[in-house]
């Protein structure tokens, strides 16, 4: 957001805040249950929770090649958009809420 000169939303501006003052949380923190030795991938977490995986085309390890060799920024944009939807679905599932139906998801470009 800074690179693109967009204002940082107040909820995301955590600079100088204490951990208990931050109004959001990371799904990684939720899922690791206090374990500091490892992490759980978004793909594994989605699969475990019965949510469609966003990794049907590329994964994070392929972004460099897709950008620098293929020059395919749109493919990376789609990859990131799928991740955002998946994180939203995971948060809903963790909160015990119904998932968003695919017909109610609209990706803006």
PDB file of N, CA and C in Angstrom:
ATOM      1  N   UNK A   1       0.825  -1.179   0.000  1.00  0.00           N
ATOM      2  CA  UNK A   1       0.000   0.000   0.000  1.00  0.00           C
ATOM      3  C   UNK A   1       0.875   1.251   0.000  1.00  0.00           C
ATOM      4  N   UNK A   2       1.957   1.192   0.745  1.00  0.00           N
ATOM      5  CA  UNK A   2       2.859   2.344   0.794  1.00  0.00           C
ATOM      6  C   UNK A   2       3.489   2.571  -0.575  1.00  0.00           C
ATOM      7  N   UNK A   3       3.939   1.498  -1.213  1.00  0.00           N
ATOM      8  CA  UNK A   3       4.564   1.617  -2.534  1.00  0.00           C
ATOM      9  C   UNK A   3       3.616   2.260  -3.528  1.00  0.00           C
ATOM     10  N   UNK A   4       2.346   1.925  -3.447  1.00  0.00           N
ATOM     11  CA  UNK A   4       1.347   2.467  -4.365  1.00  0.00           C
ATOM     12  C   UNK A   4       0.705   3.749  -3.843  1.00  0.00           C
ATOM     13  N   UNK A   5       1.260   4.298  -2.771  1.00  0.00           N
ATOM     14  CA  UNK A   5       0.815   5.549  -2.176  1.00  0.00           C
ATOM     15  C   UNK A   5      -0.660   5.528  -1.793  1.00  0.00           C
ATOM     16  N   UNK A   6      -1.082   4.406  -1.243  1.00  0.00           N
ATOM     17  CA  UNK A   6      -2.444   4.271  -0.748  1.00  0.00           C
ATOM     18  C   UNK A   6      -2.423   4.426   0.768  1.00  0.00           C
ATOM     19  N   UNK A   7      -3.429   5.060   1.322  1.00  0.00           N
ATOM     20  CA  UNK A   7      -3.451   5.199   2.783  1.00  0.00           C
ATOM     21  C   UNK A   7      -3.652   3.835   3.450  1.00  0.00           C
ATOM     22  N   UNK A   8      -2.957   3.635   4.546  1.00  0.00           N
ATOM     23  CA  UNK A   8      -3.107   2.381   5.283  1.00  0.00           C
ATOM     24  C   UNK A   8      -4.361   2.498   6.146  1.00  0.00           C
ATOM     25  N   UNK A   9      -5.298   1.563   6.019  1.00  0.00           N
ATOM     26  CA  UNK A   9      -6.489   1.605   6.869  1.00  0.00           C
ATOM     27  C   UNK A   9      -6.090   1.555   8.340  1.00  0.00           C
ATOM     28  N   UNK A  10      -6.801   2.258   9.171  1.00  0.00           N
ATOM     29  CA  UNK A  10      -6.489   2.342  10.591  1.00  0.00           C
ATOM     30  C   UNK A  10      -6.320   0.964  11.214  1.00  0.00           C
ATOM     31  N   UNK A  11      -7.183   0.029  10.852  1.00  0.00           N
ATOM     32  CA  UNK A  11      -7.115  -1.304  11.455  1.00  0.00           C
ATOM     33  C   UNK A  11      -5.826  -2.042  11.114  1.00  0.00           C
ATOM     34  N   UNK A  12      -5.203  -1.696   9.987  1.00  0.00           N
ATOM     35  CA  UNK A  12      -3.964  -2.359   9.586  1.00  0.00           C
ATOM     36  C   UNK A  12      -2.720  -1.600  10.035  1.00  0.00           C
ATOM     37  N   UNK A  13      -2.884  -0.386  10.484  1.00  0.00           N
ATOM     38  CA  UNK A  13      -1.743   0.413  10.905  1.00  0.00           C
ATOM     39  C   UNK A  13      -1.388   0.045  12.351  1.00  0.00           C
ATOM     40  N   UNK A  14      -0.495  -0.928  12.501  1.00  0.00           N
ATOM     41  CA  UNK A  14      -0.154  -1.430  13.837  1.00  0.00           C
ATOM     42  C   UNK A  14       1.185  -0.895  14.327  1.00  0.00           C
ATOM     43  N   UNK A  15       1.735   0.056  13.611  1.00  0.00           N
ATOM     44  CA  UNK A  15       3.018   0.629  13.991  1.00  0.00           C
ATOM     45  C   UNK A  15       2.945   1.217  15.399  1.00  0.00           C
ATOM     46  N   UNK A  16       3.842   0.752  16.261  1.00  0.00           N
ATOM     47  CA  UNK A  16       3.919   1.262  17.628  1.00  0.00           C
ATOM     48  C   UNK A  16       2.877   0.717  18.578  1.00  0.00           C
ATOM     49  N   UNK A  17       2.023  -0.177  18.112  1.00  0.00           N
ATOM     50  CA  UNK A  17       0.989  -0.728  18.990  1.00  0.00           C
ATOM     51  C   UNK A  17       1.502  -1.940  19.748  1.00  0.00           C
ATOM     52  N   UNK A  18       0.955  -2.131  20.910  1.00  0.00           N
ATOM     53  CA  UNK A  18       1.250  -3.320  21.703  1.00  0.00           C
ATOM     54  C   UNK A  18       0.391  -4.469  21.174  1.00  0.00           C
ATOM     55  N   UNK A  19       0.849  -5.706  21.356  1.00  0.00           N
ATOM     56  CA  UNK A  19       0.083  -6.837  20.797  1.00  0.00           C
ATOM     57  C   UNK A  19      -1.392  -6.842  21.195  1.00  0.00           C
ATOM     58  N   UNK A  20      -1.724  -6.425  22.391  1.00  0.00           N
ATOM     59  CA  UNK A  20      -3.115  -6.447  22.823  1.00  0.00           C
ATOM     60  C   UNK A  20      -3.918  -5.273  22.257  1.00  0.00           C
ATOM     61  N   UNK A  21      -3.256  -4.352  21.576  1.00  0.00           N
ATOM     62  CA  UNK A  21      -3.945  -3.229  20.945  1.00  0.00           C
ATOM     63  C   UNK A  21      -4.254  -3.495  19.468  1.00  0.00           C
ATOM     64  N   UNK A  22      -3.742  -4.579  18.927  1.00  0.00           N
ATOM     65  CA  UNK A  22      -3.951  -4.910  17.521  1.00  0.00           C
ATOM     66  C   UNK A  22      -5.326  -5.553  17.380  1.00  0.00           C
ATOM     67  N   UNK A  23      -6.128  -5.017  16.440  1.00  0.00           N
ATOM     68  CA  UNK A  23      -7.516  -5.459  16.277  1.00  0.00           C
ATOM     69  C   UNK A  23      -7.715  -6.579  15.275  1.00  0.00           C
ATOM     70  N   UNK A  24      -6.652  -7.154  14.780  1.00  0.00           N
ATOM     71  CA  UNK A  24      -6.795  -8.271  13.848  1.00  0.00           C
ATOM     72  C   UNK A  24      -5.815  -9.366  14.243  1.00  0.00           C
ATOM     73  N   UNK A  25      -5.961 -10.504  13.603  1.00  0.00           N
ATOM     74  CA  UNK A  25      -5.106 -11.632  13.927  1.00  0.00           C
ATOM     75  C   UNK A  25      -4.745 -12.378  12.661  1.00  0.00           C
ATOM     76  N   UNK A  26      -3.721 -13.158  12.771  1.00  0.00           N
ATOM     77  CA  UNK A  26      -3.205 -13.918  11.643  1.00  0.00           C
ATOM     78  C   UNK A  26      -3.709 -15.352  11.771  1.00  0.00           C
ATOM     79  N   UNK A  27      -4.231 -15.907  10.691  1.00  0.00           N
ATOM     80  CA  UNK A  27      -4.705 -17.293  10.747  1.00  0.00           C
ATOM     81  C   UNK A  27      -3.580 -18.240  11.154  1.00  0.00           C
ATOM     82  N   UNK A  28      -2.341 -17.878  10.806  1.00  0.00           N
ATOM     83  CA  UNK A  28      -1.198 -18.689  11.217  1.00  0.00           C
ATOM     84  C   UNK A  28      -1.135 -18.782  12.737  1.00  0.00           C
ATOM     85  N   UNK A  29      -1.339 -17.665  13.408  1.00  0.00           N
ATOM     86  CA  UNK A  29      -1.299 -17.649  14.869  1.00  0.00           C
ATOM     87  C   UNK A  29      -2.428 -18.503  15.451  1.00  0.00           C
ATOM     88  N   UNK A  30      -3.595 -18.443  14.829  1.00  0.00           N
ATOM     89  CA  UNK A  30      -4.724 -19.243  15.309  1.00  0.00           C
ATOM     90  C   UNK A  30      -4.448 -20.735  15.181  1.00  0.00           C
ATOM     91  N   UNK A  31      -3.902 -21.117  14.057  1.00  0.00           N
ATOM     92  CA  UNK A  31      -3.777 -22.528  13.739  1.00  0.00           C
ATOM     93  C   UNK A  31      -2.606 -23.207  14.428  1.00  0.00           C
ATOM     94  N   UNK A  32      -1.562 -22.475  14.760  1.00  0.00           N
ATOM     95  CA  UNK A  32      -0.393 -23.136  15.338  1.00  0.00           C
ATOM     96  C   UNK A  32      -0.533 -23.379  16.838  1.00  0.00           C
ATOM     97  N   UNK A  33      -1.582 -22.846  17.451  1.00  0.00           N
ATOM     98  CA  UNK A  33      -1.887 -23.099  18.852  1.00  0.00           C
ATOM     99  C   UNK A  33      -0.679 -22.886  19.759  1.00  0.00           C
ATOM    100  N   UNK A  34       0.021 -21.776  19.574  1.00  0.00           N
ATOM    101  CA  UNK A  34       1.137 -21.432  20.436  1.00  0.00           C
ATOM    102  C   UNK A  34       2.467 -22.068  20.072  1.00  0.00           C
ATOM    103  N   UNK A  35       2.504 -22.907  19.039  1.00  0.00           N
ATOM    104  CA  UNK A  35       3.756 -23.549  18.629  1.00  0.00           C
ATOM    105  C   UNK A  35       4.615 -22.539  17.885  1.00  0.00           C
ATOM    106  N   UNK A  36       5.861 -22.383  18.289  1.00  0.00           N
ATOM    107  CA  UNK A  36       6.749 -21.417  17.644  1.00  0.00           C
ATOM    108  C   UNK A  36       7.761 -22.085  16.720  1.00  0.00           C
ATOM    109  N   UNK A  37       7.659 -23.403  16.531  1.00  0.00           N
ATOM    110  CA  UNK A  37       8.666 -24.133  15.757  1.00  0.00           C
ATOM    111  C   UNK A  37       8.309 -24.316  14.292  1.00  0.00           C
ATOM    112  N   UNK A  38       7.043 -24.185  13.942  1.00  0.00           N
ATOM    113  CA  UNK A  38       6.659 -24.479  12.568  1.00  0.00           C
ATOM    114  C   UNK A  38       5.451 -23.641  12.172  1.00  0.00           C
ATOM    115  N   UNK A  39       4.962 -23.871  10.985  1.00  0.00           N
ATOM    116  CA  UNK A  39       3.784 -23.173  10.505  1.00  0.00           C
ATOM    117  C   UNK A  39       2.934 -24.140   9.697  1.00  0.00           C
ATOM    118  N   UNK A  40       1.731 -23.698   9.391  1.00  0.00           N
ATOM    119  CA  UNK A  40       0.829 -24.480   8.561  1.00  0.00           C
ATOM    120  C   UNK A  40       0.551 -23.668   7.298  1.00  0.00           C
ATOM    121  N   UNK A  41       0.707 -24.276   6.155  1.00  0.00           N
ATOM    122  CA  UNK A  41       0.474 -23.564   4.900  1.00  0.00           C
ATOM    123  C   UNK A  41      -1.008 -23.280   4.711  1.00  0.00           C
ATOM    124  N   UNK A  42      -1.299 -22.246   3.945  1.00  0.00           N
ATOM    125  CA  UNK A  42      -2.685 -21.917   3.632  1.00  0.00           C
ATOM    126  C   UNK A  42      -3.359 -23.078   2.913  1.00  0.00           C
ATOM    127  N   UNK A  43      -2.630 -23.716   2.032  1.00  0.00           N
ATOM    128  CA  UNK A  43      -3.154 -24.853   1.284  1.00  0.00           C
ATOM    129  C   UNK A  43      -3.566 -25.987   2.221  1.00  0.00           C
ATOM    130  N   UNK A  44      -2.683 -26.341   3.153  1.00  0.00           N
ATOM    131  CA  UNK A  44      -2.984 -27.420   4.095  1.00  0.00           C
ATOM    132  C   UNK A  44      -4.131 -27.041   5.016  1.00  0.00           C
ATOM    133  N   UNK A  45      -4.124 -25.815   5.493  1.00  0.00           N
ATOM    134  CA  UNK A  45      -5.190 -25.366   6.385  1.00  0.00           C
ATOM    135  C   UNK A  45      -6.542 -25.396   5.673  1.00  0.00           C
ATOM    136  N   UNK A  46      -6.583 -24.902   4.446  1.00  0.00           N
ATOM    137  CA  UNK A  46      -7.831 -24.921   3.677  1.00  0.00           C
ATOM    138  C   UNK A  46      -8.306 -26.355   3.461  1.00  0.00           C
ATOM    139  N   UNK A  47      -7.407 -27.204   3.030  1.00  0.00           N
ATOM    140  CA  UNK A  47      -7.769 -28.600   2.788  1.00  0.00           C
ATOM    141  C   UNK A  47      -8.285 -29.256   4.068  1.00  0.00           C
ATOM    142  N   UNK A  48      -7.594 -29.019   5.166  1.00  0.00           N
ATOM    143  CA  UNK A  48      -7.975 -29.609   6.449  1.00  0.00           C
ATOM    144  C   UNK A  48      -9.368 -29.165   6.881  1.00  0.00           C
ATOM    145  N   UNK A  49      -9.711 -27.919   6.582  1.00  0.00           N
ATOM    146  CA  UNK A  49     -11.009 -27.381   6.985  1.00  0.00           C
ATOM    147  C   UNK A  49     -12.094 -27.601   5.942  1.00  0.00           C
ATOM    148  N   UNK A  50     -11.753 -28.334   4.877  1.00  0.00           N
ATOM    149  CA  UNK A  50     -12.745 -28.643   3.852  1.00  0.00           C
ATOM    150  C   UNK A  50     -13.065 -27.476   2.938  1.00  0.00           C
ATOM    151  N   UNK A  51     -12.096 -26.605   2.757  1.00  0.00           N
ATOM    152  CA  UNK A  51     -12.274 -25.431   1.906  1.00  0.00           C
ATOM    153  C   UNK A  51     -11.455 -25.651   0.633  1.00  0.00           C
ATOM    154  N   UNK A  52     -12.032 -25.256  -0.500  1.00  0.00           N
ATOM    155  CA  UNK A  52     -11.341 -25.446  -1.773  1.00  0.00           C
ATOM    156  C   UNK A  52      -9.990 -24.741  -1.734  1.00  0.00           C
ATOM    157  N   UNK A  53      -8.960 -25.443  -2.134  1.00  0.00           N
ATOM    158  CA  UNK A  53      -7.618 -24.869  -2.114  1.00  0.00           C
ATOM    159  C   UNK A  53      -7.448 -23.831  -3.211  1.00  0.00           C
ATOM    160  N   UNK A  54      -6.745 -22.742  -2.901  1.00  0.00           N
ATOM    161  CA  UNK A  54      -6.499 -21.742  -3.932  1.00  0.00           C
ATOM    162  C   UNK A  54      -5.314 -22.099  -4.819  1.00  0.00           C
ATOM    163  N   UNK A  55      -4.603 -23.152  -4.494  1.00  0.00           N
ATOM    164  CA  UNK A  55      -3.362 -23.489  -5.192  1.00  0.00           C
ATOM    165  C   UNK A  55      -3.622 -24.449  -6.353  1.00  0.00           C
ATOM    166  N   UNK A  56      -4.526 -24.045  -7.251  1.00  0.00           N
ATOM    167  CA  UNK A  56      -4.859 -24.910  -8.384  1.00  0.00           C
ATOM    168  C   UNK A  56      -4.069 -24.544  -9.643  1.00  0.00           C
ATOM    169  N   UNK A  57      -3.308 -23.464  -9.571  1.00  0.00           N
ATOM    170  CA  UNK A  57      -2.518 -23.049 -10.727  1.00  0.00           C
ATOM    171  C   UNK A  57      -1.047 -22.914 -10.331  1.00  0.00           C
ATOM    172  N   UNK A  58      -0.747 -21.960  -9.475  1.00  0.00           N
ATOM    173  CA  UNK A  58       0.632 -21.764  -9.017  1.00  0.00           C
ATOM    174  C   UNK A  58       0.642 -21.677  -7.495  1.00  0.00           C
ATOM    175  N   UNK A  59       1.828 -21.781  -6.918  1.00  0.00           N
ATOM    176  CA  UNK A  59       1.985 -21.547  -5.486  1.00  0.00           C
ATOM    177  C   UNK A  59       3.080 -20.503  -5.301  1.00  0.00           C
ATOM    178  N   UNK A  60       3.316 -20.101  -4.064  1.00  0.00           N
ATOM    179  CA  UNK A  60       4.257 -19.031  -3.774  1.00  0.00           C
ATOM    180  C   UNK A  60       5.655 -19.254  -4.325  1.00  0.00           C
ATOM    181  N   UNK A  61       6.074 -20.503  -4.395  1.00  0.00           N
ATOM    182  CA  UNK A  61       7.423 -20.791  -4.893  1.00  0.00           C
ATOM    183  C   UNK A  61       7.567 -20.500  -6.383  1.00  0.00           C
ATOM    184  N   UNK A  62       6.449 -20.332  -7.080  1.00  0.00           N
ATOM    185  CA  UNK A  62       6.475 -20.132  -8.526  1.00  0.00           C
ATOM    186  C   UNK A  62       6.312 -18.672  -8.934  1.00  0.00           C
ATOM    187  N   UNK A  63       6.015 -17.789  -7.971  1.00  0.00           N
ATOM    188  CA  UNK A  63       5.721 -16.396  -8.294  1.00  0.00           C
ATOM    189  C   UNK A  63       6.900 -15.715  -8.982  1.00  0.00           C
ATOM    190  N   UNK A  64       8.107 -15.949  -8.506  1.00  0.00           N
ATOM    191  CA  UNK A  64       9.291 -15.329  -9.093  1.00  0.00           C
ATOM    192  C   UNK A  64       9.379 -15.647 -10.580  1.00  0.00           C
ATOM    193  N   UNK A  65       9.243 -16.920 -10.910  1.00  0.00           N
ATOM    194  CA  UNK A  65       9.358 -17.338 -12.309  1.00  0.00           C
ATOM    195  C   UNK A  65       8.225 -16.777 -13.162  1.00  0.00           C
ATOM    196  N   UNK A  66       7.006 -16.811 -12.628  1.00  0.00           N
ATOM    197  CA  UNK A  66       5.865 -16.299 -13.383  1.00  0.00           C
ATOM    198  C   UNK A  66       6.035 -14.802 -13.651  1.00  0.00           C
ATOM    199  N   UNK A  67       6.587 -14.075 -12.685  1.00  0.00           N
ATOM    200  CA  UNK A  67       6.776 -12.633 -12.870  1.00  0.00           C
ATOM    201  C   UNK A  67       7.959 -12.323 -13.783  1.00  0.00           C
ATOM    202  N   UNK A  68       9.118 -12.857 -13.466  1.00  0.00           N
ATOM    203  CA  UNK A  68      10.332 -12.474 -14.177  1.00  0.00           C
ATOM    204  C   UNK A  68      10.527 -13.188 -15.511  1.00  0.00           C
ATOM    205  N   UNK A  69      10.123 -14.445 -15.591  1.00  0.00           N
ATOM    206  CA  UNK A  69      10.334 -15.182 -16.840  1.00  0.00           C
ATOM    207  C   UNK A  69       9.132 -15.128 -17.767  1.00  0.00           C
ATOM    208  N   UNK A  70       7.948 -15.315 -17.200  1.00  0.00           N
ATOM    209  CA  UNK A  70       6.745 -15.302 -18.031  1.00  0.00           C
ATOM    210  C   UNK A  70       6.165 -13.900 -18.211  1.00  0.00           C
ATOM    211  N   UNK A  71       6.547 -12.983 -17.331  1.00  0.00           N
ATOM    212  CA  UNK A  71       6.009 -11.605 -17.341  1.00  0.00           C
ATOM    213  C   UNK A  71       4.485 -11.617 -17.266  1.00  0.00           C
ATOM    214  N   UNK A  72       3.935 -12.522 -16.456  1.00  0.00           N
ATOM    215  CA  UNK A  72       2.493 -12.726 -16.392  1.00  0.00           C
ATOM    216  C   UNK A  72       1.947 -12.223 -15.051  1.00  0.00           C
ATOM    217  N   UNK A  73       1.859 -10.921 -14.926  1.00  0.00           N
ATOM    218  CA  UNK A  73       1.381 -10.310 -13.690  1.00  0.00           C
ATOM    219  C   UNK A  73      -0.071 -10.684 -13.391  1.00  0.00           C
ATOM    220  N   UNK A  74      -0.886 -10.810 -14.413  1.00  0.00           N
ATOM    221  CA  UNK A  74      -2.301 -11.168 -14.207  1.00  0.00           C
ATOM    222  C   UNK A  74      -2.440 -12.533 -13.529  1.00  0.00           C
ATOM    223  N   UNK A  75      -1.570 -13.448 -13.860  1.00  0.00           N
ATOM    224  CA  UNK A  75      -1.604 -14.781 -13.231  1.00  0.00           C
ATOM    225  C   UNK A  75      -1.289 -14.665 -11.745  1.00  0.00           C
ATOM    226  N   UNK A  76      -0.376 -13.794 -11.386  1.00  0.00           N
ATOM    227  CA  UNK A  76      -0.031 -13.577  -9.978  1.00  0.00           C
ATOM    228  C   UNK A  76      -1.180 -12.876  -9.264  1.00  0.00           C
ATOM    229  N   UNK A  77      -1.811 -11.922  -9.930  1.00  0.00           N
ATOM    230  CA  UNK A  77      -2.964 -11.231  -9.345  1.00  0.00           C
ATOM    231  C   UNK A  77      -4.062 -12.242  -9.018  1.00  0.00           C
ATOM    232  N   UNK A  78      -4.359 -13.124  -9.953  1.00  0.00           N
ATOM    233  CA  UNK A  78      -5.379 -14.152  -9.738  1.00  0.00           C
ATOM    234  C   UNK A  78      -4.998 -15.052  -8.572  1.00  0.00           C
ATOM    235  N   UNK A  79      -3.733 -15.442  -8.505  1.00  0.00           N
ATOM    236  CA  UNK A  79      -3.228 -16.263  -7.407  1.00  0.00           C
ATOM    237  C   UNK A  79      -3.462 -15.571  -6.058  1.00  0.00           C
ATOM    238  N   UNK A  80      -3.150 -14.285  -5.970  1.00  0.00           N
ATOM    239  CA  UNK A  80      -3.317 -13.534  -4.725  1.00  0.00           C
ATOM    240  C   UNK A  80      -4.796 -13.364  -4.368  1.00  0.00           C
ATOM    241  N   UNK A  81      -5.628 -13.112  -5.373  1.00  0.00           N
ATOM    242  CA  UNK A  81      -7.060 -12.961  -5.126  1.00  0.00           C
ATOM    243  C   UNK A  81      -7.655 -14.247  -4.560  1.00  0.00           C
ATOM    244  N   UNK A  82      -7.236 -15.378  -5.079  1.00  0.00           N
ATOM    245  CA  UNK A  82      -7.717 -16.666  -4.571  1.00  0.00           C
ATOM    246  C   UNK A  82      -7.287 -16.861  -3.123  1.00  0.00           C
ATOM    247  N   UNK A  83      -6.071 -16.432  -2.797  1.00  0.00           N
ATOM    248  CA  UNK A  83      -5.597 -16.532  -1.414  1.00  0.00           C
ATOM    249  C   UNK A  83      -6.466 -15.698  -0.478  1.00  0.00           C
ATOM    250  N   UNK A  84      -6.830 -14.494  -0.903  1.00  0.00           N
ATOM    251  CA  UNK A  84      -7.650 -13.614  -0.064  1.00  0.00           C
ATOM    252  C   UNK A  84      -9.009 -14.257   0.215  1.00  0.00           C
ATOM    253  N   UNK A  85      -9.631 -14.800  -0.819  1.00  0.00           N
ATOM    254  CA  UNK A  85     -10.927 -15.467  -0.641  1.00  0.00           C
ATOM    255  C   UNK A  85     -10.772 -16.656   0.298  1.00  0.00           C
ATOM    256  N   UNK A  86      -9.708 -17.409   0.141  1.00  0.00           N
ATOM    257  CA  UNK A  86      -9.481 -18.584   0.986  1.00  0.00           C
ATOM    258  C   UNK A  86      -9.277 -18.182   2.443  1.00  0.00           C
ATOM    259  N   UNK A  87      -8.524 -17.119   2.685  1.00  0.00           N
ATOM    260  CA  UNK A  87      -8.325 -16.650   4.060  1.00  0.00           C
ATOM    261  C   UNK A  87      -9.667 -16.244   4.670  1.00  0.00           C
ATOM    262  N   UNK A  88     -10.499 -15.547   3.896  1.00  0.00           N
ATOM    263  CA  UNK A  88     -11.827 -15.160   4.394  1.00  0.00           C
ATOM    264  C   UNK A  88     -12.644 -16.395   4.758  1.00  0.00           C
ATOM    265  N   UNK A  89     -12.611 -17.404   3.897  1.00  0.00           N
ATOM    266  CA  UNK A  89     -13.357 -18.638   4.158  1.00  0.00           C
ATOM    267  C   UNK A  89     -12.829 -19.341   5.415  1.00  0.00           C
ATOM    268  N   UNK A  90     -11.520 -19.355   5.562  1.00  0.00           N
ATOM    269  CA  UNK A  90     -10.913 -19.984   6.743  1.00  0.00           C
ATOM    270  C   UNK A  90     -11.349 -19.262   8.015  1.00  0.00           C
ATOM    271  N   UNK A  91     -11.324 -17.940   7.989  1.00  0.00           N
ATOM    272  CA  UNK A  91     -11.755 -17.173   9.158  1.00  0.00           C
ATOM    273  C   UNK A  91     -13.212 -17.461   9.498  1.00  0.00           C
ATOM    274  N   UNK A  92     -14.048 -17.547   8.478  1.00  0.00           N
ATOM    275  CA  UNK A  92     -15.452 -17.887   8.729  1.00  0.00           C
ATOM    276  C   UNK A  92     -15.574 -19.276   9.342  1.00  0.00           C
ATOM    277  N   UNK A  93     -14.843 -20.224   8.784  1.00  0.00           N
ATOM    278  CA  UNK A  93     -14.896 -21.592   9.301  1.00  0.00           C
ATOM    279  C   UNK A  93     -14.401 -21.635  10.758  1.00  0.00           C
ATOM    280  N   UNK A  94     -13.315 -20.926  11.054  1.00  0.00           N
ATOM    281  CA  UNK A  94     -12.782 -20.901  12.417  1.00  0.00           C
ATOM    282  C   UNK A  94     -13.737 -20.229  13.397  1.00  0.00           C
ATOM    283  N   UNK A  95     -14.543 -19.289  12.884  1.00  0.00           N
ATOM    284  CA  UNK A  95     -15.522 -18.606  13.731  1.00  0.00           C
ATOM    285  C   UNK A  95     -16.838 -19.356  13.815  1.00  0.00           C
ATOM    286  N   UNK A  96     -16.930 -20.488  13.093  1.00  0.00           N
ATOM    287  CA  UNK A  96     -18.158 -21.277  13.110  1.00  0.00           C
ATOM    288  C   UNK A  96     -19.268 -20.687  12.267  1.00  0.00           C
ATOM    289  N   UNK A  97     -18.921 -19.834  11.346  1.00  0.00           N
ATOM    290  CA  UNK A  97     -19.906 -19.188  10.483  1.00  0.00           C
ATOM    291  C   UNK A  97     -20.001 -19.930   9.148  1.00  0.00           C
ATOM    292  N   UNK A  98     -21.105 -19.763   8.430  1.00  0.00           N
ATOM    293  CA  UNK A  98     -21.209 -20.402   7.108  1.00  0.00           C
ATOM    294  C   UNK A  98     -20.228 -19.765   6.128  1.00  0.00           C
ATOM    295  N   UNK A  99     -19.746 -20.578   5.209  1.00  0.00           N
ATOM    296  CA  UNK A  99     -18.831 -20.077   4.190  1.00  0.00           C
ATOM    297  C   UNK A  99     -19.588 -19.234   3.168  1.00  0.00           C
ATOM    298  N   UNK A 100     -18.853 -18.375   2.481  1.00  0.00           N
ATOM    299  CA  UNK A 100     -19.435 -17.562   1.415  1.00  0.00           C
ATOM    300  C   UNK A 100     -19.615 -18.461   0.196  1.00  0.00           C
ATOM    301  N   UNK A 101     -20.794 -18.476  -0.360  1.00  0.00           N
ATOM    302  CA  UNK A 101     -21.058 -19.278  -1.552  1.00  0.00           C
ATOM    303  C   UNK A 101     -20.298 -18.683  -2.729  1.00  0.00           C
ATOM    304  N   UNK A 102     -19.786 -19.555  -3.587  1.00  0.00           N
ATOM    305  CA  UNK A 102     -18.971 -19.099  -4.716  1.00  0.00           C
ATOM    306  C   UNK A 102     -19.724 -18.119  -5.616  1.00  0.00           C
ATOM    307  N   UNK A 103     -21.036 -18.281  -5.738  1.00  0.00           N
ATOM    308  CA  UNK A 103     -21.793 -17.357  -6.589  1.00  0.00           C
ATOM    309  C   UNK A 103     -21.904 -15.954  -5.970  1.00  0.00           C
ATOM    310  N   UNK A 104     -21.562 -15.842  -4.688  1.00  0.00           N
ATOM    311  CA  UNK A 104     -21.591 -14.536  -4.017  1.00  0.00           C
ATOM    312  C   UNK A 104     -20.222 -13.882  -3.936  1.00  0.00           C
ATOM    313  N   UNK A 105     -19.236 -14.481  -4.563  1.00  0.00           N
ATOM    314  CA  UNK A 105     -17.875 -13.933  -4.563  1.00  0.00           C
ATOM    315  C   UNK A 105     -17.634 -13.265  -5.914  1.00  0.00           C
ATOM    316  N   UNK A 106     -17.267 -12.003  -5.869  1.00  0.00           N
ATOM    317  CA  UNK A 106     -17.003 -11.256  -7.092  1.00  0.00           C
ATOM    318  C   UNK A 106     -15.590 -10.669  -6.989  1.00  0.00           C
ATOM    319  N   UNK A 107     -14.759 -10.998  -7.933  1.00  0.00           N
ATOM    320  CA  UNK A 107     -13.388 -10.499  -7.969  1.00  0.00           C
ATOM    321  C   UNK A 107     -13.356  -9.248  -8.840  1.00  0.00           C
ATOM    322  N   UNK A 108     -12.864  -8.154  -8.276  1.00  0.00           N
ATOM    323  CA  UNK A 108     -12.750  -6.897  -9.026  1.00  0.00           C
ATOM    324  C   UNK A 108     -11.336  -6.775  -9.559  1.00  0.00           C
ATOM    325  N   UNK A 109     -11.199  -6.306 -10.765  1.00  0.00           N
ATOM    326  CA  UNK A 109      -9.881  -6.098 -11.348  1.00  0.00           C
ATOM    327  C   UNK A 109      -9.675  -4.642 -11.687  1.00  0.00           C
TER     328      UNK A 109
END
